[in-house]
PDB file of N, CA and C in Angstrom:
ATOM      1  N   MET A   1       0.845  -1.190   0.000  1.00  0.00           N
ATOM      2  CA  MET A   1       0.000   0.000   0.000  1.00  0.00           C
ATOM      3  C   MET A   1       0.884   1.245   0.000  1.00  0.00           C
ATOM      4  N   ASN A   2       0.384   2.253  -0.604  1.00  0.00           N
ATOM      5  CA  ASN A   2       1.105   3.513  -0.737  1.00  0.00           C
ATOM      6  C   ASN A   2       1.275   4.177   0.634  1.00  0.00           C
ATOM      7  N   GLN A   3       2.472   4.688   0.892  1.00  0.00           N
ATOM      8  CA  GLN A   3       2.721   5.327   2.186  1.00  0.00           C
ATOM      9  C   GLN A   3       1.886   6.586   2.379  1.00  0.00           C
ATOM     10  N   TYR A   4       1.494   7.234   1.299  1.00  0.00           N
ATOM     11  CA  TYR A   4       0.691   8.450   1.403  1.00  0.00           C
ATOM     12  C   TYR A   4      -0.754   8.152   1.788  1.00  0.00           C
ATOM     13  N   LYS A   5      -1.218   6.969   1.494  1.00  0.00           N
ATOM     14  CA  LYS A   5      -2.594   6.598   1.849  1.00  0.00           C
ATOM     15  C   LYS A   5      -2.763   6.494   3.365  1.00  0.00           C
ATOM     16  N   LYS A   6      -1.684   6.148   4.058  1.00  0.00           N
ATOM     17  CA  LYS A   6      -1.736   5.994   5.507  1.00  0.00           C
ATOM     18  C   LYS A   6      -1.633   7.326   6.249  1.00  0.00           C
ATOM     19  N   ALA A   7      -0.992   8.304   5.643  1.00  0.00           N
ATOM     20  CA  ALA A   7      -0.781   9.602   6.299  1.00  0.00           C
ATOM     21  C   ALA A   7      -2.081  10.405   6.308  1.00  0.00           C
ATOM     22  N   SER A   8      -2.192  11.310   7.268  1.00  0.00           N
ATOM     23  CA  SER A   8      -3.389  12.149   7.327  1.00  0.00           C
ATOM     24  C   SER A   8      -3.338  13.206   6.225  1.00  0.00           C
ATOM     25  N   PHE A   9      -4.513  13.630   5.807  1.00  0.00           N
ATOM     26  CA  PHE A   9      -4.608  14.606   4.721  1.00  0.00           C
ATOM     27  C   PHE A   9      -3.931  15.923   5.101  1.00  0.00           C
ATOM     28  N   ILE A  10      -4.118  16.361   6.342  1.00  0.00           N
ATOM     29  CA  ILE A  10      -3.543  17.638   6.792  1.00  0.00           C
ATOM     30  C   ILE A  10      -2.020  17.584   6.763  1.00  0.00           C
ATOM     31  N   LYS A  11      -1.436  16.474   7.229  1.00  0.00           N
ATOM     32  CA  LYS A  11       0.020  16.348   7.218  1.00  0.00           C
ATOM     33  C   LYS A  11       0.564  16.351   5.800  1.00  0.00           C
ATOM     34  N   LEU A  12      -0.129  15.650   4.902  1.00  0.00           N
ATOM     35  CA  LEU A  12       0.297  15.659   3.503  1.00  0.00           C
ATOM     36  C   LEU A  12       0.207  17.060   2.915  1.00  0.00           C
ATOM     37  N   MET A  13      -0.912  17.724   3.177  1.00  0.00           N
ATOM     38  CA  MET A  13      -1.092  19.068   2.633  1.00  0.00           C
ATOM     39  C   MET A  13      -0.019  20.022   3.150  1.00  0.00           C
ATOM     40  N   LEU A  14       0.267  19.959   4.442  1.00  0.00           N
ATOM     41  CA  LEU A  14       1.293  20.830   5.019  1.00  0.00           C
ATOM     42  C   LEU A  14       2.674  20.518   4.444  1.00  0.00           C
ATOM     43  N   ARG A  15       2.974  19.253   4.264  1.00  0.00           N
ATOM     44  CA  ARG A  15       4.271  18.870   3.703  1.00  0.00           C
ATOM     45  C   ARG A  15       4.443  19.418   2.288  1.00  0.00           C
ATOM     46  N   PHE A  16       3.421  19.224   1.438  1.00  0.00           N
ATOM     47  CA  PHE A  16       3.499  19.725   0.075  1.00  0.00           C
ATOM     48  C   PHE A  16       3.500  21.251   0.041  1.00  0.00           C
ATOM     49  N   THR A  17       2.676  21.872   0.877  1.00  0.00           N
ATOM     50  CA  THR A  17       2.584  23.334   0.888  1.00  0.00           C
ATOM     51  C   THR A  17       3.894  23.971   1.319  1.00  0.00           C
ATOM     52  N   LEU A  18       4.462  23.494   2.405  1.00  0.00           N
ATOM     53  CA  LEU A  18       5.710  24.093   2.904  1.00  0.00           C
ATOM     54  C   LEU A  18       6.874  23.880   1.955  1.00  0.00           C
ATOM     55  N   SER A  19       6.988  22.684   1.402  1.00  0.00           N
ATOM     56  CA  SER A  19       8.102  22.446   0.482  1.00  0.00           C
ATOM     57  C   SER A  19       7.951  23.281  -0.781  1.00  0.00           C
ATOM     58  N   PHE A  20       6.740  23.378  -1.322  1.00  0.00           N
ATOM     59  CA  PHE A  20       6.512  24.197  -2.505  1.00  0.00           C
ATOM     60  C   PHE A  20       6.757  25.674  -2.201  1.00  0.00           C
ATOM     61  N   PHE A  21       6.309  26.131  -1.041  1.00  0.00           N
ATOM     62  CA  PHE A  21       6.503  27.527  -0.656  1.00  0.00           C
ATOM     63  C   PHE A  21       7.986  27.890  -0.592  1.00  0.00           C
ATOM     64  N   VAL A  22       8.771  27.052   0.047  1.00  0.00           N
ATOM     65  CA  VAL A  22      10.202  27.330   0.186  1.00  0.00           C
ATOM     66  C   VAL A  22      10.891  27.307  -1.172  1.00  0.00           C
ATOM     67  N   ILE A  23      10.626  26.287  -1.971  1.00  0.00           N
ATOM     68  CA  ILE A  23      11.293  26.158  -3.265  1.00  0.00           C
ATOM     69  C   ILE A  23      10.922  27.304  -4.196  1.00  0.00           C
ATOM     70  N   VAL A  24       9.646  27.609  -4.307  1.00  0.00           N
ATOM     71  CA  VAL A  24       9.212  28.659  -5.235  1.00  0.00           C
ATOM     72  C   VAL A  24       9.669  30.040  -4.765  1.00  0.00           C
ATOM     73  N   THR A  25       9.650  30.290  -3.462  1.00  0.00           N
ATOM     74  CA  THR A  25      10.123  31.573  -2.956  1.00  0.00           C
ATOM     75  C   THR A  25      11.606  31.756  -3.238  1.00  0.00           C
ATOM     76  N   LEU A  26      12.398  30.725  -3.000  1.00  0.00           N
ATOM     77  CA  LEU A  26      13.828  30.821  -3.293  1.00  0.00           C
ATOM     78  C   LEU A  26      14.086  30.993  -4.784  1.00  0.00           C
ATOM     79  N   LEU A  27      13.342  30.279  -5.613  1.00  0.00           N
ATOM     80  CA  LEU A  27      13.500  30.446  -7.061  1.00  0.00           C
ATOM     81  C   LEU A  27      13.109  31.849  -7.518  1.00  0.00           C
ATOM     82  N   ARG A  28      12.044  32.353  -6.960  1.00  0.00           N
ATOM     83  CA  ARG A  28      11.601  33.697  -7.350  1.00  0.00           C
ATOM     84  C   ARG A  28      12.614  34.766  -6.922  1.00  0.00           C
ATOM     85  N   LEU A  29      13.175  34.611  -5.730  1.00  0.00           N
ATOM     86  CA  LEU A  29      14.206  35.546  -5.290  1.00  0.00           C
ATOM     87  C   LEU A  29      15.477  35.399  -6.118  1.00  0.00           C
ATOM     88  N   PHE A  30      15.850  34.164  -6.448  1.00  0.00           N
ATOM     89  CA  PHE A  30      17.048  33.923  -7.249  1.00  0.00           C
ATOM     90  C   PHE A  30      16.910  34.514  -8.647  1.00  0.00           C
ATOM     91  N   THR A  31      15.761  34.304  -9.285  1.00  0.00           N
ATOM     92  CA  THR A  31      15.568  34.886 -10.613  1.00  0.00           C
ATOM     93  C   THR A  31      15.439  36.406 -10.531  1.00  0.00           C
ATOM     94  N   GLY A  32      14.941  36.908  -9.424  1.00  0.00           N
ATOM     95  CA  GLY A  32      14.847  38.352  -9.242  1.00  0.00           C
ATOM     96  C   GLY A  32      16.204  39.020  -9.173  1.00  0.00           C
ATOM     97  N   VAL A  33      17.210  38.296  -8.697  1.00  0.00           N
ATOM     98  CA  VAL A  33      18.569  38.843  -8.643  1.00  0.00           C
ATOM     99  C   VAL A  33      19.031  39.200 -10.047  1.00  0.00           C
ATOM    100  N   PHE A  34      18.742  38.356 -11.008  1.00  0.00           N
ATOM    101  CA  PHE A  34      19.150  38.629 -12.396  1.00  0.00           C
ATOM    102  C   PHE A  34      18.204  39.604 -13.079  1.00  0.00           C
ATOM    103  N   ARG A  35      16.947  39.525 -12.744  1.00  0.00           N
ATOM    104  CA  ARG A  35      15.950  40.383 -13.379  1.00  0.00           C
ATOM    105  C   ARG A  35      16.061  41.834 -12.933  1.00  0.00           C
ATOM    106  N   PHE A  36      16.358  42.047 -11.654  1.00  0.00           N
ATOM    107  CA  PHE A  36      16.392  43.400 -11.100  1.00  0.00           C
ATOM    108  C   PHE A  36      17.802  43.873 -10.770  1.00  0.00           C
ATOM    109  N   ASP A  37      18.801  43.279 -11.375  1.00  0.00           N
ATOM    110  CA  ASP A  37      20.198  43.707 -11.230  1.00  0.00           C
ATOM    111  C   ASP A  37      20.698  43.633  -9.790  1.00  0.00           C
ATOM    112  N   GLY A  38      20.613  42.484  -9.195  1.00  0.00           N
ATOM    113  CA  GLY A  38      21.226  42.276  -7.890  1.00  0.00           C
ATOM    114  C   GLY A  38      20.243  42.266  -6.741  1.00  0.00           C
ATOM    115  N   PHE A  39      20.822  42.106  -5.554  1.00  0.00           N
ATOM    116  CA  PHE A  39      20.007  42.009  -4.345  1.00  0.00           C
ATOM    117  C   PHE A  39      19.319  43.328  -4.009  1.00  0.00           C
ATOM    118  N   LEU A  40      19.949  44.427  -4.341  1.00  0.00           N
ATOM    119  CA  LEU A  40      19.320  45.725  -4.089  1.00  0.00           C
ATOM    120  C   LEU A  40      18.054  45.875  -4.923  1.00  0.00           C
ATOM    121  N   GLY A  41      18.096  45.414  -6.155  1.00  0.00           N
ATOM    122  CA  GLY A  41      16.912  45.451  -7.009  1.00  0.00           C
ATOM    123  C   GLY A  41      15.801  44.560  -6.496  1.00  0.00           C
ATOM    124  N   VAL A  42      16.175  43.391  -5.987  1.00  0.00           N
ATOM    125  CA  VAL A  42      15.182  42.476  -5.406  1.00  0.00           C
ATOM    126  C   VAL A  42      14.546  43.116  -4.182  1.00  0.00           C
ATOM    127  N   LYS A  43      15.385  43.738  -3.379  1.00  0.00           N
ATOM    128  CA  LYS A  43      14.875  44.400  -2.176  1.00  0.00           C
ATOM    129  C   LYS A  43      13.890  45.500  -2.535  1.00  0.00           C
ATOM    130  N   GLN A  44      14.231  46.296  -3.538  1.00  0.00           N
ATOM    131  CA  GLN A  44      13.339  47.382  -3.945  1.00  0.00           C
ATOM    132  C   GLN A  44      12.074  46.866  -4.623  1.00  0.00           C
ATOM    133  N   ALA A  45      12.181  45.768  -5.346  1.00  0.00           N
ATOM    134  CA  ALA A  45      11.026  45.241  -6.070  1.00  0.00           C
ATOM    135  C   ALA A  45      10.075  44.455  -5.176  1.00  0.00           C
ATOM    136  N   TYR A  46      10.609  43.705  -4.216  1.00  0.00           N
ATOM    137  CA  TYR A  46       9.780  42.774  -3.462  1.00  0.00           C
ATOM    138  C   TYR A  46       9.635  43.079  -1.978  1.00  0.00           C
ATOM    139  N   LEU A  47      10.589  43.752  -1.364  1.00  0.00           N
ATOM    140  CA  LEU A  47      10.650  43.712   0.088  1.00  0.00           C
ATOM    141  C   LEU A  47      10.451  45.032   0.831  1.00  0.00           C
ATOM    142  N   ILE A  48      10.524  46.175   0.187  1.00  0.00           N
ATOM    143  CA  ILE A  48      10.401  47.426   0.939  1.00  0.00           C
ATOM    144  C   ILE A  48       9.010  48.040   0.776  1.00  0.00           C
ATOM    145  N   ASP A  49       8.670  48.905   1.713  1.00  0.00           N
ATOM    146  CA  ASP A  49       7.439  49.700   1.700  1.00  0.00           C
ATOM    147  C   ASP A  49       6.179  48.861   1.540  1.00  0.00           C
ATOM    148  N   GLY A  50       6.107  47.756   2.246  1.00  0.00           N
ATOM    149  CA  GLY A  50       4.906  46.940   2.220  1.00  0.00           C
ATOM    150  C   GLY A  50       4.769  46.061   1.001  1.00  0.00           C
ATOM    151  N   LYS A  51       5.762  46.025   0.116  1.00  0.00           N
ATOM    152  CA  LYS A  51       5.689  45.167  -1.065  1.00  0.00           C
ATOM    153  C   LYS A  51       5.894  43.704  -0.717  1.00  0.00           C
ATOM    154  N   TRP A  52       6.421  43.439   0.471  1.00  0.00           N
ATOM    155  CA  TRP A  52       6.654  42.049   0.868  1.00  0.00           C
ATOM    156  C   TRP A  52       5.349  41.327   1.163  1.00  0.00           C
ATOM    157  N   GLN A  53       4.307  42.088   1.568  1.00  0.00           N
ATOM    158  CA  GLN A  53       3.032  41.454   1.886  1.00  0.00           C
ATOM    159  C   GLN A  53       2.369  40.840   0.649  1.00  0.00           C
ATOM    160  N   PRO A  54       2.222  41.572  -0.459  1.00  0.00           N
ATOM    161  CA  PRO A  54       1.659  40.916  -1.651  1.00  0.00           C
ATOM    162  C   PRO A  54       2.565  39.810  -2.189  1.00  0.00           C
ATOM    163  N   PHE A  55       3.864  39.983  -2.045  1.00  0.00           N
ATOM    164  CA  PHE A  55       4.815  38.954  -2.477  1.00  0.00           C
ATOM    165  C   PHE A  55       4.558  37.652  -1.722  1.00  0.00           C
ATOM    166  N   LEU A  56       4.462  37.721  -0.403  1.00  0.00           N
ATOM    167  CA  LEU A  56       4.230  36.522   0.397  1.00  0.00           C
ATOM    168  C   LEU A  56       2.809  35.987   0.246  1.00  0.00           C
ATOM    169  N   GLN A  57       1.843  36.869   0.082  1.00  0.00           N
ATOM    170  CA  GLN A  57       0.467  36.414  -0.101  1.00  0.00           C
ATOM    171  C   GLN A  57       0.323  35.605  -1.387  1.00  0.00           C
ATOM    172  N   THR A  58       0.952  36.073  -2.442  1.00  0.00           N
ATOM    173  CA  THR A  58       0.910  35.345  -3.709  1.00  0.00           C
ATOM    174  C   THR A  58       1.577  33.984  -3.574  1.00  0.00           C
ATOM    175  N   GLN A  59       2.752  33.978  -2.964  1.00  0.00           N
ATOM    176  CA  GLN A  59       3.473  32.724  -2.773  1.00  0.00           C
ATOM    177  C   GLN A  59       2.652  31.758  -1.910  1.00  0.00           C
ATOM    178  N   LEU A  60       2.075  32.261  -0.840  1.00  0.00           N
ATOM    179  CA  LEU A  60       1.310  31.422   0.076  1.00  0.00           C
ATOM    180  C   LEU A  60       0.038  30.884  -0.584  1.00  0.00           C
ATOM    181  N   MET A  61      -0.632  31.724  -1.353  1.00  0.00           N
ATOM    182  CA  MET A  61      -1.859  31.299  -2.023  1.00  0.00           C
ATOM    183  C   MET A  61      -1.567  30.153  -2.999  1.00  0.00           C
ATOM    184  N   PHE A  62      -0.556  30.320  -3.833  1.00  0.00           N
ATOM    185  CA  PHE A  62      -0.214  29.264  -4.782  1.00  0.00           C
ATOM    186  C   PHE A  62       0.273  28.006  -4.071  1.00  0.00           C
ATOM    187  N   SER A  63       0.983  28.170  -2.977  1.00  0.00           N
ATOM    188  CA  SER A  63       1.484  27.023  -2.231  1.00  0.00           C
ATOM    189  C   SER A  63       0.356  26.227  -1.597  1.00  0.00           C
ATOM    190  N   VAL A  64      -0.632  26.909  -1.049  1.00  0.00           N
ATOM    191  CA  VAL A  64      -1.774  26.220  -0.439  1.00  0.00           C
ATOM    192  C   VAL A  64      -2.584  25.484  -1.508  1.00  0.00           C
ATOM    193  N   VAL A  65      -2.802  26.113  -2.644  1.00  0.00           N
ATOM    194  CA  VAL A  65      -3.526  25.453  -3.733  1.00  0.00           C
ATOM    195  C   VAL A  65      -2.761  24.216  -4.201  1.00  0.00           C
ATOM    196  N   TYR A  66      -1.459  24.353  -4.373  1.00  0.00           N
ATOM    197  CA  TYR A  66      -0.634  23.218  -4.767  1.00  0.00           C
ATOM    198  C   TYR A  66      -0.676  22.118  -3.705  1.00  0.00           C
ATOM    199  N   GLY A  67      -0.558  22.494  -2.443  1.00  0.00           N
ATOM    200  CA  GLY A  67      -0.587  21.518  -1.367  1.00  0.00           C
ATOM    201  C   GLY A  67      -1.899  20.760  -1.308  1.00  0.00           C
ATOM    202  N   LEU A  68      -3.008  21.469  -1.454  1.00  0.00           N
ATOM    203  CA  LEU A  68      -4.318  20.813  -1.456  1.00  0.00           C
ATOM    204  C   LEU A  68      -4.461  19.859  -2.630  1.00  0.00           C
ATOM    205  N   PHE A  69      -4.051  20.302  -3.802  1.00  0.00           N
ATOM    206  CA  PHE A  69      -4.164  19.465  -4.992  1.00  0.00           C
ATOM    207  C   PHE A  69      -3.316  18.210  -4.870  1.00  0.00           C
ATOM    208  N   MET A  70      -2.064  18.373  -4.488  1.00  0.00           N
ATOM    209  CA  MET A  70      -1.161  17.227  -4.411  1.00  0.00           C
ATOM    210  C   MET A  70      -1.561  16.267  -3.291  1.00  0.00           C
ATOM    211  N   ALA A  71      -1.979  16.794  -2.156  1.00  0.00           N
ATOM    212  CA  ALA A  71      -2.425  15.923  -1.067  1.00  0.00           C
ATOM    213  C   ALA A  71      -3.661  15.144  -1.485  1.00  0.00           C
ATOM    214  N   GLY A  72      -4.590  15.802  -2.138  1.00  0.00           N
ATOM    215  CA  GLY A  72      -5.776  15.106  -2.633  1.00  0.00           C
ATOM    216  C   GLY A  72      -5.429  14.059  -3.666  1.00  0.00           C
ATOM    217  N   TYR A  73      -4.500  14.381  -4.536  1.00  0.00           N
ATOM    218  CA  TYR A  73      -4.090  13.424  -5.560  1.00  0.00           C
ATOM    219  C   TYR A  73      -3.452  12.191  -4.935  1.00  0.00           C
ATOM    220  N   TYR A  74      -2.479  12.389  -4.052  1.00  0.00           N
ATOM    221  CA  TYR A  74      -1.793  11.249  -3.468  1.00  0.00           C
ATOM    222  C   TYR A  74      -2.663  10.469  -2.483  1.00  0.00           C
ATOM    223  N   LYS A  75      -3.567  11.158  -1.813  1.00  0.00           N
ATOM    224  CA  LYS A  75      -4.405  10.496  -0.806  1.00  0.00           C
ATOM    225  C   LYS A  75      -5.575   9.738  -1.429  1.00  0.00           C
ATOM    226  N   PHE A  76      -6.201  10.330  -2.441  1.00  0.00           N
ATOM    227  CA  PHE A  76      -7.463   9.781  -2.927  1.00  0.00           C
ATOM    228  C   PHE A  76      -7.436   9.249  -4.365  1.00  0.00           C
ATOM    229  N   ILE A  77      -6.505   9.696  -5.196  1.00  0.00           N
ATOM    230  CA  ILE A  77      -6.548   9.324  -6.606  1.00  0.00           C
ATOM    231  C   ILE A  77      -5.485   8.297  -6.975  1.00  0.00           C
ATOM    232  N   LYS A  78      -4.242   8.569  -6.591  1.00  0.00           N
ATOM    233  CA  LYS A  78      -3.142   7.694  -6.979  1.00  0.00           C
ATOM    234  C   LYS A  78      -3.302   6.327  -6.326  1.00  0.00           C
ATOM    235  N   LYS A  79      -3.054   5.317  -7.106  1.00  0.00           N
ATOM    236  CA  LYS A  79      -3.228   3.941  -6.603  1.00  0.00           C
ATOM    237  C   LYS A  79      -1.931   3.383  -6.098  1.00  0.00           C
TER     238      LYS A  79
END
């Protein structure tokens, strides 16, 4: 039997959500270094004057959706 079938849905969702959140946030910051000419550009684009809130909200929203989808897939669909 699949190991994911035994785990609780909430634990699966949290595992997928947190891992996706960390990976995508790091990738977005890493690509921002090249897009905005360095760390100062990333700071000005994403992190100052309240811009960090929409940045994190977007990341969190997509991460939760991904976590719910993947947990549902592994828990209920995948054989």
